[in-house]
Amino acid sequence: MSSRLAMSCLMHRFVRDSRGVSAVEFALVLPLMLTLYIGGAEVSQALSANRKVTLVSRTIADLTAQSSSITSGRMTDFLNASAAIMYPFAASNLKVTVSCVAIDSAGRATIKWSETLNGTKQATGASVTLPGALNVRSTSLLWSEAQYAYTPTIGYVISGTTNLRDQMYMSPRIAAPTYGTTTC
């Protein structure tokens, strides 16, 4: 009988003991908290990279739209400026293309000239489908495209590479820019 009583007292003491409750709760909550923290950091980095891609496409279109004549060296400077905009993200993952789109009197939009950084130029003479409001006859537009292959640092919540893209259309500010010997 005494062993039964001793066992009962031991069980009663075990049930009433609350010294390890905090440690158990911490062990249960820790994985969730770490996932939220790391996930928040990864998502904020991805949003920052996406915002910079938007800034690159807007800036390249704006720089080109301000020029009436663009030399090859100046275009290289414009495109290389995108690396400074993307900092602290690696510029090697960035592809930027700027093209001049001419819209004829019939409303057909074609590429007059194109230049790129780490990407592929648009083919000269290629047909372009523009948003309806931008397809104004006998005008030209500058079309800037930016793409960034974002790979998260930790890769715990966001895994793999995500391609972030943006594009911007702008009207030339002074006159349709000439690049080399080709006028838009």
C-alpha atoms as a PDB file:
ATOM      1  CA  MET A   1       0.000   0.000   0.000  1.00  0.00           C
ATOM      2  CA  SER A   2       2.779   2.410   0.747  1.00  0.00           C
ATOM      3  CA  SER A   3       4.206   2.077  -2.753  1.00  0.00           C
ATOM      4  CA  ARG A   4       0.786   2.977  -4.124  1.00  0.00           C
ATOM      5  CA  LEU A   5       0.601   5.977  -1.861  1.00  0.00           C
ATOM      6  CA  ALA A   6       4.111   7.044  -2.785  1.00  0.00           C
ATOM      7  CA  MET A   7       3.254   6.724  -6.453  1.00  0.00           C
ATOM      8  CA  SER A   8       0.072   8.733  -5.986  1.00  0.00           C
ATOM      9  CA  CYS A   9       1.959  11.493  -4.134  1.00  0.00           C
ATOM     10  CA  LEU A  10       4.580  11.557  -6.873  1.00  0.00           C
ATOM     11  CA  MET A  11       1.935  11.883  -9.617  1.00  0.00           C
ATOM     12  CA  HIS A  12       0.118  14.581  -7.682  1.00  0.00           C
ATOM     13  CA  ARG A  13       3.349  16.580  -7.312  1.00  0.00           C
ATOM     14  CA  PHE A  14       4.149  16.113 -11.022  1.00  0.00           C
ATOM     15  CA  VAL A  15       0.742  17.445 -12.111  1.00  0.00           C
ATOM     16  CA  ARG A  16       1.022  20.500  -9.825  1.00  0.00           C
ATOM     17  CA  ASP A  17       4.622  21.341 -10.848  1.00  0.00           C
ATOM     18  CA  SER A  18       4.696  24.303 -13.270  1.00  0.00           C
ATOM     19  CA  ARG A  19       8.423  25.056 -13.364  1.00  0.00           C
ATOM     20  CA  GLY A  20       8.933  23.851 -16.958  1.00  0.00           C
ATOM     21  CA  VAL A  21       5.766  25.266 -18.497  1.00  0.00           C
ATOM     22  CA  SER A  22       7.498  28.357 -19.868  1.00  0.00           C
ATOM     23  CA  ALA A  23      10.219  26.276 -21.503  1.00  0.00           C
ATOM     24  CA  VAL A  24       7.653  24.012 -23.151  1.00  0.00           C
ATOM     25  CA  GLU A  25       5.612  26.994 -24.401  1.00  0.00           C
ATOM     26  CA  PHE A  26       8.786  28.615 -25.742  1.00  0.00           C
ATOM     27  CA  ALA A  27       9.738  25.392 -27.552  1.00  0.00           C
ATOM     28  CA  LEU A  28       6.290  25.241 -29.135  1.00  0.00           C
ATOM     29  CA  VAL A  29       6.203  28.913 -30.219  1.00  0.00           C
ATOM     30  CA  LEU A  30       9.848  29.273 -31.384  1.00  0.00           C
ATOM     31  CA  PRO A  31       9.452  27.668 -34.865  1.00  0.00           C
ATOM     32  CA  LEU A  32       6.453  29.867 -35.641  1.00  0.00           C
ATOM     33  CA  MET A  33       8.210  33.029 -34.457  1.00  0.00           C
ATOM     34  CA  LEU A  34      11.385  32.238 -36.435  1.00  0.00           C
ATOM     35  CA  THR A  35       9.336  31.563 -39.572  1.00  0.00           C
ATOM     36  CA  LEU A  36       7.520  34.885 -39.175  1.00  0.00           C
ATOM     37  CA  TYR A  37      10.765  36.780 -38.575  1.00  0.00           C
ATOM     38  CA  ILE A  38      12.743  35.228 -41.415  1.00  0.00           C
ATOM     39  CA  GLY A  39       9.725  35.343 -43.740  1.00  0.00           C
ATOM     40  CA  GLY A  40       9.188  39.025 -42.971  1.00  0.00           C
ATOM     41  CA  ALA A  41      12.829  39.777 -43.736  1.00  0.00           C
ATOM     42  CA  GLU A  42      12.715  37.830 -47.021  1.00  0.00           C
ATOM     43  CA  VAL A  43       9.475  39.423 -48.174  1.00  0.00           C
ATOM     44  CA  SER A  44      10.721  42.934 -47.354  1.00  0.00           C
ATOM     45  CA  GLN A  45      13.926  42.288 -49.338  1.00  0.00           C
ATOM     46  CA  ALA A  46      11.889  41.035 -52.305  1.00  0.00           C
ATOM     47  CA  LEU A  47       9.639  44.109 -52.142  1.00  0.00           C
ATOM     48  CA  SER A  48      12.709  46.353 -52.002  1.00  0.00           C
ATOM     49  CA  ALA A  49      14.174  44.646 -55.090  1.00  0.00           C
ATOM     50  CA  ASN A  50      10.840  44.967 -56.897  1.00  0.00           C
ATOM     51  CA  ARG A  51      10.695  48.689 -56.093  1.00  0.00           C
ATOM     52  CA  LYS A  52      14.214  49.149 -57.438  1.00  0.00           C
ATOM     53  CA  VAL A  53      13.261  47.372 -60.689  1.00  0.00           C
ATOM     54  CA  THR A  54      10.435  49.899 -61.074  1.00  0.00           C
ATOM     55  CA  LEU A  55      12.881  52.751 -60.413  1.00  0.00           C
ATOM     56  CA  VAL A  56      15.288  51.379 -63.022  1.00  0.00           C
ATOM     57  CA  SER A  57      12.645  51.166 -65.747  1.00  0.00           C
ATOM     58  CA  ARG A  58      11.335  54.646 -64.942  1.00  0.00           C
ATOM     59  CA  THR A  59      14.776  56.262 -64.719  1.00  0.00           C
ATOM     60  CA  ILE A  60      16.099  54.770 -67.961  1.00  0.00           C
ATOM     61  CA  ALA A  61      12.956  55.860 -69.843  1.00  0.00           C
ATOM     62  CA  ASP A  62      13.158  59.328 -68.284  1.00  0.00           C
ATOM     63  CA  LEU A  63      16.865  59.831 -69.068  1.00  0.00           C
ATOM     64  CA  THR A  64      16.313  58.761 -72.658  1.00  0.00           C
ATOM     65  CA  ALA A  65      13.173  60.896 -73.035  1.00  0.00           C
ATOM     66  CA  GLN A  66      15.104  64.026 -72.002  1.00  0.00           C
ATOM     67  CA  SER A  67      17.624  63.636 -74.820  1.00  0.00           C
ATOM     68  CA  SER A  68      17.167  64.694 -78.424  1.00  0.00           C
ATOM     69  CA  SER A  69      20.394  63.053 -79.564  1.00  0.00           C
ATOM     70  CA  ILE A  70      22.016  60.055 -77.897  1.00  0.00           C
ATOM     71  CA  THR A  71      25.509  58.792 -78.589  1.00  0.00           C
ATOM     72  CA  SER A  72      26.572  55.216 -77.989  1.00  0.00           C
ATOM     73  CA  GLY A  73      28.684  56.305 -75.007  1.00  0.00           C
ATOM     74  CA  ARG A  74      25.825  58.242 -73.470  1.00  0.00           C
ATOM     75  CA  MET A  75      23.462  55.282 -73.892  1.00  0.00           C
ATOM     76  CA  THR A  76      26.035  53.081 -72.160  1.00  0.00           C
ATOM     77  CA  ASP A  77      26.123  55.595 -69.290  1.00  0.00           C
ATOM     78  CA  PHE A  78      22.320  55.536 -69.041  1.00  0.00           C
ATOM     79  CA  LEU A  79      22.232  51.747 -68.914  1.00  0.00           C
ATOM     80  CA  ASN A  80      25.147  51.503 -66.473  1.00  0.00           C
ATOM     81  CA  ALA A  81      23.361  53.940 -64.146  1.00  0.00           C
ATOM     82  CA  SER A  82      20.856  51.166 -63.504  1.00  0.00           C
ATOM     83  CA  ALA A  83      23.519  49.296 -61.503  1.00  0.00           C
ATOM     84  CA  ALA A  84      23.729  52.226 -59.085  1.00  0.00           C
ATOM     85  CA  ILE A  85      19.945  52.295 -58.776  1.00  0.00           C
ATOM     86  CA  MET A  86      19.792  48.555 -57.990  1.00  0.00           C
ATOM     87  CA  TYR A  87      22.426  48.788 -55.247  1.00  0.00           C
ATOM     88  CA  PRO A  88      22.761  46.821 -52.896  1.00  0.00           C
ATOM     89  CA  PHE A  89      21.344  44.128 -55.193  1.00  0.00           C
ATOM     90  CA  ALA A  90      23.700  42.504 -57.721  1.00  0.00           C
ATOM     91  CA  ALA A  91      23.646  44.284 -61.081  1.00  0.00           C
ATOM     92  CA  SER A  92      24.638  41.053 -62.830  1.00  0.00           C
ATOM     93  CA  ASN A  93      21.061  39.763 -62.308  1.00  0.00           C
ATOM     94  CA  LEU A  94      19.585  42.859 -63.969  1.00  0.00           C
ATOM     95  CA  LYS A  95      18.477  43.108 -67.609  1.00  0.00           C
ATOM     96  CA  VAL A  96      17.507  46.515 -68.978  1.00  0.00           C
ATOM     97  CA  THR A  97      16.311  47.322 -72.494  1.00  0.00           C
ATOM     98  CA  VAL A  98      15.347  50.713 -73.876  1.00  0.00           C
ATOM     99  CA  SER A  99      13.682  50.996 -77.275  1.00  0.00           C
ATOM    100  CA  CYS A 100      12.221  53.731 -79.409  1.00  0.00           C
ATOM    101  CA  VAL A 101       8.769  52.885 -80.719  1.00  0.00           C
ATOM    102  CA  ALA A 102       7.536  54.856 -83.731  1.00  0.00           C
ATOM    103  CA  ILE A 103       3.808  54.929 -84.448  1.00  0.00           C
ATOM    104  CA  ASP A 104       2.977  55.671 -88.083  1.00  0.00           C
ATOM    105  CA  SER A 105      -0.075  57.484 -89.491  1.00  0.00           C
ATOM    106  CA  ALA A 106      -1.957  54.167 -89.712  1.00  0.00           C
ATOM    107  CA  GLY A 107      -1.378  53.446 -86.014  1.00  0.00           C
ATOM    108  CA  ARG A 108       1.227  50.694 -86.511  1.00  0.00           C
ATOM    109  CA  ALA A 109       3.889  50.715 -83.792  1.00  0.00           C
ATOM    110  CA  THR A 110       7.372  49.451 -84.700  1.00  0.00           C
ATOM    111  CA  ILE A 111      10.799  49.437 -83.082  1.00  0.00           C
ATOM    112  CA  LYS A 112      13.145  52.043 -84.621  1.00  0.00           C
ATOM    113  CA  TRP A 113      16.145  51.351 -82.385  1.00  0.00           C
ATOM    114  CA  SER A 114      16.878  49.376 -79.229  1.00  0.00           C
ATOM    115  CA  GLU A 115      19.755  49.034 -76.783  1.00  0.00           C
ATOM    116  CA  THR A 116      20.227  46.716 -73.809  1.00  0.00           C
ATOM    117  CA  LEU A 117      22.292  45.883 -70.733  1.00  0.00           C
ATOM    118  CA  ASN A 118      22.669  42.135 -70.017  1.00  0.00           C
ATOM    119  CA  GLY A 119      19.617  41.363 -72.168  1.00  0.00           C
ATOM    120  CA  THR A 120      18.394  41.054 -75.729  1.00  0.00           C
ATOM    121  CA  LYS A 121      17.625  44.071 -77.914  1.00  0.00           C
ATOM    122  CA  GLN A 122      14.216  44.408 -79.500  1.00  0.00           C
ATOM    123  CA  ALA A 123      14.481  43.674 -83.227  1.00  0.00           C
ATOM    124  CA  THR A 124      14.496  46.803 -85.393  1.00  0.00           C
ATOM    125  CA  GLY A 125      11.278  46.960 -87.388  1.00  0.00           C
ATOM    126  CA  ALA A 126       9.470  44.523 -85.089  1.00  0.00           C
ATOM    127  CA  SER A 127       5.816  45.251 -84.479  1.00  0.00           C
ATOM    128  CA  VAL A 128       4.801  46.293 -80.959  1.00  0.00           C
ATOM    129  CA  THR A 129       1.403  46.089 -79.300  1.00  0.00           C
ATOM    130  CA  LEU A 130       0.899  49.206 -77.202  1.00  0.00           C
ATOM    131  CA  PRO A 131      -1.765  49.943 -74.618  1.00  0.00           C
ATOM    132  CA  GLY A 132      -4.691  51.591 -76.426  1.00  0.00           C
ATOM    133  CA  ALA A 133      -4.321  55.037 -74.837  1.00  0.00           C
ATOM    134  CA  LEU A 134      -0.645  55.226 -75.869  1.00  0.00           C
ATOM    135  CA  ASN A 135      -1.156  54.300 -79.511  1.00  0.00           C
ATOM    136  CA  VAL A 136      -1.321  57.869 -80.842  1.00  0.00           C
ATOM    137  CA  ARG A 137      -0.771  58.118 -84.611  1.00  0.00           C
ATOM    138  CA  SER A 138       2.352  59.845 -85.969  1.00  0.00           C
ATOM    139  CA  THR A 139       4.167  59.945 -82.621  1.00  0.00           C
ATOM    140  CA  SER A 140       6.928  58.065 -80.892  1.00  0.00           C
ATOM    141  CA  LEU A 141       7.455  56.585 -77.439  1.00  0.00           C
ATOM    142  CA  LEU A 142      10.413  55.407 -75.430  1.00  0.00           C
ATOM    143  CA  TRP A 143       9.877  51.949 -73.981  1.00  0.00           C
ATOM    144  CA  SER A 144      12.019  50.853 -71.058  1.00  0.00           C
ATOM    145  CA  GLU A 145      11.954  47.305 -69.738  1.00  0.00           C
ATOM    146  CA  ALA A 146      13.711  46.059 -66.598  1.00  0.00           C
ATOM    147  CA  GLN A 147      13.937  42.506 -65.303  1.00  0.00           C
ATOM    148  CA  TYR A 148      15.725  41.267 -62.189  1.00  0.00           C
ATOM    149  CA  ALA A 149      16.310  37.650 -61.149  1.00  0.00           C
ATOM    150  CA  TYR A 150      15.813  37.858 -57.374  1.00  0.00           C
ATOM    151  CA  THR A 151      17.151  35.028 -55.236  1.00  0.00           C
ATOM    152  CA  PRO A 152      16.492  35.361 -51.494  1.00  0.00           C
ATOM    153  CA  THR A 153      19.485  35.365 -49.174  1.00  0.00           C
ATOM    154  CA  ILE A 154      18.134  32.747 -46.780  1.00  0.00           C
ATOM    155  CA  GLY A 155      15.526  31.010 -48.923  1.00  0.00           C
ATOM    156  CA  TYR A 156      13.528  29.701 -45.966  1.00  0.00           C
ATOM    157  CA  VAL A 157      10.103  31.143 -46.814  1.00  0.00           C
ATOM    158  CA  ILE A 158      10.669  32.265 -50.433  1.00  0.00           C
ATOM    159  CA  SER A 159      12.590  29.595 -52.294  1.00  0.00           C
ATOM    160  CA  GLY A 160      14.086  29.665 -55.755  1.00  0.00           C
ATOM    161  CA  THR A 161      14.583  32.594 -58.103  1.00  0.00           C
ATOM    162  CA  THR A 162      11.765  35.044 -58.731  1.00  0.00           C
ATOM    163  CA  ASN A 163      11.800  37.175 -61.888  1.00  0.00           C
ATOM    164  CA  LEU A 164      10.759  40.736 -61.107  1.00  0.00           C
ATOM    165  CA  ARG A 165       9.734  42.834 -64.135  1.00  0.00           C
ATOM    166  CA  ASP A 166       8.525  46.303 -64.944  1.00  0.00           C
ATOM    167  CA  GLN A 167       8.188  48.461 -68.032  1.00  0.00           C
ATOM    168  CA  MET A 168       7.620  52.132 -68.666  1.00  0.00           C
ATOM    169  CA  TYR A 169       6.502  54.117 -71.699  1.00  0.00           C
ATOM    170  CA  MET A 170       7.399  57.808 -71.981  1.00  0.00           C
ATOM    171  CA  SER A 171       6.938  60.424 -74.642  1.00  0.00           C
ATOM    172  CA  PRO A 172      10.076  62.239 -75.788  1.00  0.00           C
ATOM    173  CA  ARG A 173      10.293  65.583 -74.004  1.00  0.00           C
ATOM    174  CA  ILE A 174      12.072  67.719 -76.590  1.00  0.00           C
ATOM    175  CA  ALA A 175      11.952  65.741 -79.834  1.00  0.00           C
ATOM    176  CA  ALA A 176      12.056  62.121 -80.900  1.00  0.00           C
ATOM    177  CA  PRO A 177      15.604  61.094 -79.927  1.00  0.00           C
ATOM    178  CA  THR A 178      18.188  60.166 -82.503  1.00  0.00           C
ATOM    179  CA  TYR A 179      20.388  57.253 -81.527  1.00  0.00           C
ATOM    180  CA  GLY A 180      23.447  57.038 -83.697  1.00  0.00           C
ATOM    181  CA  THR A 181      22.038  57.833 -87.133  1.00  0.00           C
ATOM    182  CA  THR A 182      18.521  56.510 -86.532  1.00  0.00           C
ATOM    183  CA  THR A 183      15.757  58.930 -85.619  1.00  0.00           C
ATOM    184  CA  CYS A 184      12.785  57.542 -83.782  1.00  0.00           C
END
